[in-house]
Amino acid sequence: MNIRLLHESDSLAYQAVRLLALKTDPDSFGSTYEQEAVRPLEKFAERIQHTENQFTV
């Protein structure tokens, strides 16, 4: 297993994993598959950008 910070180049994979999770476990999220499926890839890239207080692995 390789644990690392996600980068913009991981956006497509992150989007795929998130959408699958929203389909299979919708009660675990505050959003829905239908809401997220229409979001452009750029929004997923923004979501995984690092900040001083936030990061995604």
PDB file of N, CA and C in Angstrom:
ATOM      1  N   MET A   1       0.848  -1.159   0.000  1.00  0.00           N
ATOM      2  CA  MET A   1       0.000   0.000   0.000  1.00  0.00           C
ATOM      3  C   MET A   1       0.899   1.228   0.000  1.00  0.00           C
ATOM      4  N   ASN A   2       0.539   2.189  -0.824  1.00  0.00           N
ATOM      5  CA  ASN A   2       1.279   3.439  -0.917  1.00  0.00           C
ATOM      6  C   ASN A   2       0.357   4.573  -0.484  1.00  0.00           C
ATOM      7  N   ILE A   3       0.654   5.187   0.649  1.00  0.00           N
ATOM      8  CA  ILE A   3      -0.145   6.309   1.139  1.00  0.00           C
ATOM      9  C   ILE A   3       0.616   7.581   0.820  1.00  0.00           C
ATOM     10  N   ARG A   4      -0.059   8.499   0.117  1.00  0.00           N
ATOM     11  CA  ARG A   4       0.594   9.750  -0.262  1.00  0.00           C
ATOM     12  C   ARG A   4      -0.456  10.831  -0.435  1.00  0.00           C
ATOM     13  N   LEU A   5      -0.004  12.067  -0.471  1.00  0.00           N
ATOM     14  CA  LEU A   5      -0.890  13.188  -0.733  1.00  0.00           C
ATOM     15  C   LEU A   5      -1.364  13.121  -2.178  1.00  0.00           C
ATOM     16  N   LEU A   6      -2.616  13.469  -2.400  1.00  0.00           N
ATOM     17  CA  LEU A   6      -3.127  13.539  -3.761  1.00  0.00           C
ATOM     18  C   LEU A   6      -2.731  14.870  -4.387  1.00  0.00           C
ATOM     19  N   HIS A   7      -2.554  14.841  -5.696  1.00  0.00           N
ATOM     20  CA  HIS A   7      -2.196  16.032  -6.460  1.00  0.00           C
ATOM     21  C   HIS A   7      -3.207  16.215  -7.581  1.00  0.00           C
ATOM     22  N   GLU A   8      -3.142  17.335  -8.251  1.00  0.00           N
ATOM     23  CA  GLU A   8      -4.081  17.635  -9.328  1.00  0.00           C
ATOM     24  C   GLU A   8      -4.119  16.519 -10.374  1.00  0.00           C
ATOM     25  N   SER A   9      -2.996  15.895 -10.621  1.00  0.00           N
ATOM     26  CA  SER A   9      -2.950  14.807 -11.607  1.00  0.00           C
ATOM     27  C   SER A   9      -3.753  13.580 -11.158  1.00  0.00           C
ATOM     28  N   ASP A  10      -4.160  13.529  -9.898  1.00  0.00           N
ATOM     29  CA  ASP A  10      -4.975  12.438  -9.368  1.00  0.00           C
ATOM     30  C   ASP A  10      -6.476  12.731  -9.438  1.00  0.00           C
ATOM     31  N   SER A  11      -6.851  13.842 -10.015  1.00  0.00           N
ATOM     32  CA  SER A  11      -8.249  14.281 -10.009  1.00  0.00           C
ATOM     33  C   SER A  11      -9.199  13.276 -10.625  1.00  0.00           C
ATOM     34  N   LEU A  12      -8.840  12.707 -11.755  1.00  0.00           N
ATOM     35  CA  LEU A  12      -9.727  11.761 -12.429  1.00  0.00           C
ATOM     36  C   LEU A  12      -9.940  10.510 -11.581  1.00  0.00           C
ATOM     37  N   ALA A  13      -8.886   9.993 -10.992  1.00  0.00           N
ATOM     38  CA  ALA A  13      -9.004   8.816 -10.129  1.00  0.00           C
ATOM     39  C   ALA A  13      -9.811   9.146  -8.878  1.00  0.00           C
ATOM     40  N   TYR A  14      -9.582  10.311  -8.303  1.00  0.00           N
ATOM     41  CA  TYR A  14     -10.328  10.743  -7.117  1.00  0.00           C
ATOM     42  C   TYR A  14     -11.817  10.854  -7.445  1.00  0.00           C
ATOM     43  N   GLN A  15     -12.130  11.434  -8.585  1.00  0.00           N
ATOM     44  CA  GLN A  15     -13.513  11.564  -9.015  1.00  0.00           C
ATOM     45  C   GLN A  15     -14.166  10.185  -9.143  1.00  0.00           C
ATOM     46  N   ALA A  16     -13.488   9.249  -9.763  1.00  0.00           N
ATOM     47  CA  ALA A  16     -14.033   7.903  -9.960  1.00  0.00           C
ATOM     48  C   ALA A  16     -14.300   7.213  -8.624  1.00  0.00           C
ATOM     49  N   VAL A  17     -13.354   7.315  -7.703  1.00  0.00           N
ATOM     50  CA  VAL A  17     -13.506   6.674  -6.392  1.00  0.00           C
ATOM     51  C   VAL A  17     -14.647   7.324  -5.615  1.00  0.00           C
ATOM     52  N   ARG A  18     -14.727   8.631  -5.651  1.00  0.00           N
ATOM     53  CA  ARG A  18     -15.795   9.333  -4.930  1.00  0.00           C
ATOM     54  C   ARG A  18     -17.166   8.982  -5.497  1.00  0.00           C
ATOM     55  N   LEU A  19     -17.290   8.974  -6.809  1.00  0.00           N
ATOM     56  CA  LEU A  19     -18.585   8.653  -7.407  1.00  0.00           C
ATOM     57  C   LEU A  19     -19.005   7.217  -7.090  1.00  0.00           C
ATOM     58  N   LEU A  20     -18.058   6.300  -7.122  1.00  0.00           N
ATOM     59  CA  LEU A  20     -18.365   4.916  -6.765  1.00  0.00           C
ATOM     60  C   LEU A  20     -18.829   4.829  -5.311  1.00  0.00           C
ATOM     61  N   ALA A  21     -18.134   5.529  -4.427  1.00  0.00           N
ATOM     62  CA  ALA A  21     -18.505   5.521  -3.014  1.00  0.00           C
ATOM     63  C   ALA A  21     -19.891   6.135  -2.798  1.00  0.00           C
ATOM     64  N   LEU A  22     -20.206   7.182  -3.533  1.00  0.00           N
ATOM     65  CA  LEU A  22     -21.529   7.791  -3.415  1.00  0.00           C
ATOM     66  C   LEU A  22     -22.624   6.845  -3.891  1.00  0.00           C
ATOM     67  N   LYS A  23     -22.327   6.027  -4.880  1.00  0.00           N
ATOM     68  CA  LYS A  23     -23.305   5.049  -5.355  1.00  0.00           C
ATOM     69  C   LYS A  23     -23.485   3.903  -4.367  1.00  0.00           C
ATOM     70  N   THR A  24     -22.385   3.409  -3.817  1.00  0.00           N
ATOM     71  CA  THR A  24     -22.455   2.219  -2.974  1.00  0.00           C
ATOM     72  C   THR A  24     -22.779   2.506  -1.513  1.00  0.00           C
ATOM     73  N   ASP A  25     -22.403   3.683  -1.010  1.00  0.00           N
ATOM     74  CA  ASP A  25     -22.649   4.047   0.390  1.00  0.00           C
ATOM     75  C   ASP A  25     -23.169   5.474   0.504  1.00  0.00           C
ATOM     76  N   PRO A  26     -24.307   5.773  -0.067  1.00  0.00           N
ATOM     77  CA  PRO A  26     -24.791   7.158  -0.105  1.00  0.00           C
ATOM     78  C   PRO A  26     -25.020   7.788   1.264  1.00  0.00           C
ATOM     79  N   ASP A  27     -25.323   6.982   2.268  1.00  0.00           N
ATOM     80  CA  ASP A  27     -25.581   7.537   3.604  1.00  0.00           C
ATOM     81  C   ASP A  27     -24.324   8.039   4.302  1.00  0.00           C
ATOM     82  N   SER A  28     -23.155   7.761   3.737  1.00  0.00           N
ATOM     83  CA  SER A  28     -21.893   8.177   4.346  1.00  0.00           C
ATOM     84  C   SER A  28     -21.465   9.573   3.920  1.00  0.00           C
ATOM     85  N   PHE A  29     -22.266  10.228   3.080  1.00  0.00           N
ATOM     86  CA  PHE A  29     -21.870  11.514   2.508  1.00  0.00           C
ATOM     87  C   PHE A  29     -22.963  12.557   2.692  1.00  0.00           C
ATOM     88  N   GLY A  30     -22.549  13.802   2.651  1.00  0.00           N
ATOM     89  CA  GLY A  30     -23.490  14.909   2.716  1.00  0.00           C
ATOM     90  C   GLY A  30     -23.945  15.344   1.343  1.00  0.00           C
ATOM     91  N   SER A  31     -23.420  14.712   0.316  1.00  0.00           N
ATOM     92  CA  SER A  31     -23.768  15.006  -1.064  1.00  0.00           C
ATOM     93  C   SER A  31     -24.393  13.758  -1.675  1.00  0.00           C
ATOM     94  N   THR A  32     -24.858  13.868  -2.914  1.00  0.00           N
ATOM     95  CA  THR A  32     -25.431  12.715  -3.591  1.00  0.00           C
ATOM     96  C   THR A  32     -24.659  12.428  -4.880  1.00  0.00           C
ATOM     97  N   TYR A  33     -24.821  11.222  -5.377  1.00  0.00           N
ATOM     98  CA  TYR A  33     -24.189  10.859  -6.636  1.00  0.00           C
ATOM     99  C   TYR A  33     -24.651  11.808  -7.738  1.00  0.00           C
ATOM    100  N   GLU A  34     -25.928  12.101  -7.787  1.00  0.00           N
ATOM    101  CA  GLU A  34     -26.483  12.964  -8.828  1.00  0.00           C
ATOM    102  C   GLU A  34     -25.875  14.369  -8.801  1.00  0.00           C
ATOM    103  N   GLN A  35     -25.636  14.895  -7.612  1.00  0.00           N
ATOM    104  CA  GLN A  35     -25.010  16.218  -7.496  1.00  0.00           C
ATOM    105  C   GLN A  35     -23.560  16.190  -7.952  1.00  0.00           C
ATOM    106  N   GLU A  36     -22.842  15.170  -7.537  1.00  0.00           N
ATOM    107  CA  GLU A  36     -21.411  15.095  -7.830  1.00  0.00           C
ATOM    108  C   GLU A  36     -21.121  14.671  -9.267  1.00  0.00           C
ATOM    109  N   ALA A  37     -21.978  13.852  -9.856  1.00  0.00           N
ATOM    110  CA  ALA A  37     -21.738  13.325 -11.201  1.00  0.00           C
ATOM    111  C   ALA A  37     -21.728  14.424 -12.263  1.00  0.00           C
ATOM    112  N   VAL A  38     -22.390  15.534 -12.001  1.00  0.00           N
ATOM    113  CA  VAL A  38     -22.430  16.617 -12.986  1.00  0.00           C
ATOM    114  C   VAL A  38     -21.362  17.684 -12.724  1.00  0.00           C
ATOM    115  N   ARG A  39     -20.609  17.537 -11.661  1.00  0.00           N
ATOM    116  CA  ARG A  39     -19.538  18.497 -11.364  1.00  0.00           C
ATOM    117  C   ARG A  39     -18.397  18.312 -12.358  1.00  0.00           C
ATOM    118  N   PRO A  40     -17.842  19.401 -12.846  1.00  0.00           N
ATOM    119  CA  PRO A  40     -16.688  19.268 -13.750  1.00  0.00           C
ATOM    120  C   PRO A  40     -15.457  18.757 -13.002  1.00  0.00           C
ATOM    121  N   LEU A  41     -14.565  18.140 -13.726  1.00  0.00           N
ATOM    122  CA  LEU A  41     -13.347  17.583 -13.149  1.00  0.00           C
ATOM    123  C   LEU A  41     -12.561  18.647 -12.381  1.00  0.00           C
ATOM    124  N   GLU A  42     -12.620  19.880 -12.817  1.00  0.00           N
ATOM    125  CA  GLU A  42     -11.895  20.964 -12.150  1.00  0.00           C
ATOM    126  C   GLU A  42     -12.321  21.118 -10.699  1.00  0.00           C
ATOM    127  N   LYS A  43     -13.585  20.854 -10.404  1.00  0.00           N
ATOM    128  CA  LYS A  43     -14.061  20.961  -9.015  1.00  0.00           C
ATOM    129  C   LYS A  43     -13.443  19.876  -8.132  1.00  0.00           C
ATOM    130  N   PHE A  44     -13.232  18.693  -8.709  1.00  0.00           N
ATOM    131  CA  PHE A  44     -12.571  17.633  -7.951  1.00  0.00           C
ATOM    132  C   PHE A  44     -11.101  17.992  -7.727  1.00  0.00           C
ATOM    133  N   ALA A  45     -10.480  18.604  -8.720  1.00  0.00           N
ATOM    134  CA  ALA A  45      -9.089  19.045  -8.577  1.00  0.00           C
ATOM    135  C   ALA A  45      -8.976  20.091  -7.475  1.00  0.00           C
ATOM    136  N   GLU A  46      -9.936  21.015  -7.424  1.00  0.00           N
ATOM    137  CA  GLU A  46      -9.931  22.040  -6.373  1.00  0.00           C
ATOM    138  C   GLU A  46     -10.081  21.397  -4.992  1.00  0.00           C
ATOM    139  N   ARG A  47     -10.903  20.379  -4.910  1.00  0.00           N
ATOM    140  CA  ARG A  47     -11.190  19.731  -3.633  1.00  0.00           C
ATOM    141  C   ARG A  47      -9.952  19.073  -3.024  1.00  0.00           C
ATOM    142  N   ILE A  48      -9.033  18.602  -3.861  1.00  0.00           N
ATOM    143  CA  ILE A  48      -7.864  17.895  -3.331  1.00  0.00           C
ATOM    144  C   ILE A  48      -6.616  18.776  -3.245  1.00  0.00           C
ATOM    145  N   GLN A  49      -6.770  20.069  -3.510  1.00  0.00           N
ATOM    146  CA  GLN A  49      -5.623  20.968  -3.372  1.00  0.00           C
ATOM    147  C   GLN A  49      -5.238  21.090  -1.905  1.00  0.00           C
ATOM    148  N   HIS A  50      -3.950  21.132  -1.661  1.00  0.00           N
ATOM    149  CA  HIS A  50      -3.442  21.254  -0.294  1.00  0.00           C
ATOM    150  C   HIS A  50      -3.568  22.695   0.178  1.00  0.00           C
ATOM    151  N   THR A  51      -3.901  22.848   1.434  1.00  0.00           N
ATOM    152  CA  THR A  51      -3.864  24.154   2.088  1.00  0.00           C
ATOM    153  C   THR A  51      -3.123  23.965   3.414  1.00  0.00           C
ATOM    154  N   GLU A  52      -2.994  25.025   4.147  1.00  0.00           N
ATOM    155  CA  GLU A  52      -2.323  24.946   5.441  1.00  0.00           C
ATOM    156  C   GLU A  52      -3.067  24.010   6.407  1.00  0.00           C
ATOM    157  N   ASN A  53      -4.397  23.940   6.263  1.00  0.00           N
ATOM    158  CA  ASN A  53      -5.216  23.172   7.190  1.00  0.00           C
ATOM    159  C   ASN A  53      -5.903  21.962   6.578  1.00  0.00           C
ATOM    160  N   GLN A  54      -5.632  21.663   5.315  1.00  0.00           N
ATOM    161  CA  GLN A  54      -6.356  20.579   4.649  1.00  0.00           C
ATOM    162  C   GLN A  54      -5.490  19.855   3.647  1.00  0.00           C
ATOM    163  N   PHE A  55      -5.643  18.547   3.582  1.00  0.00           N
ATOM    164  CA  PHE A  55      -4.979  17.752   2.567  1.00  0.00           C
ATOM    165  C   PHE A  55      -5.774  16.472   2.363  1.00  0.00           C
ATOM    166  N   THR A  56      -5.553  15.805   1.246  1.00  0.00           N
ATOM    167  CA  THR A  56      -6.252  14.566   0.918  1.00  0.00           C
ATOM    168  C   THR A  56      -5.222  13.496   0.607  1.00  0.00           C
ATOM    169  N   VAL A  57      -5.400  12.326   1.218  1.00  0.00           N
ATOM    170  CA  VAL A  57      -4.491  11.197   0.960  1.00  0.00           C
ATOM    171  C   VAL A  57      -5.248  10.082   0.266  1.00  0.00           C
TER     172      VAL A  57
END
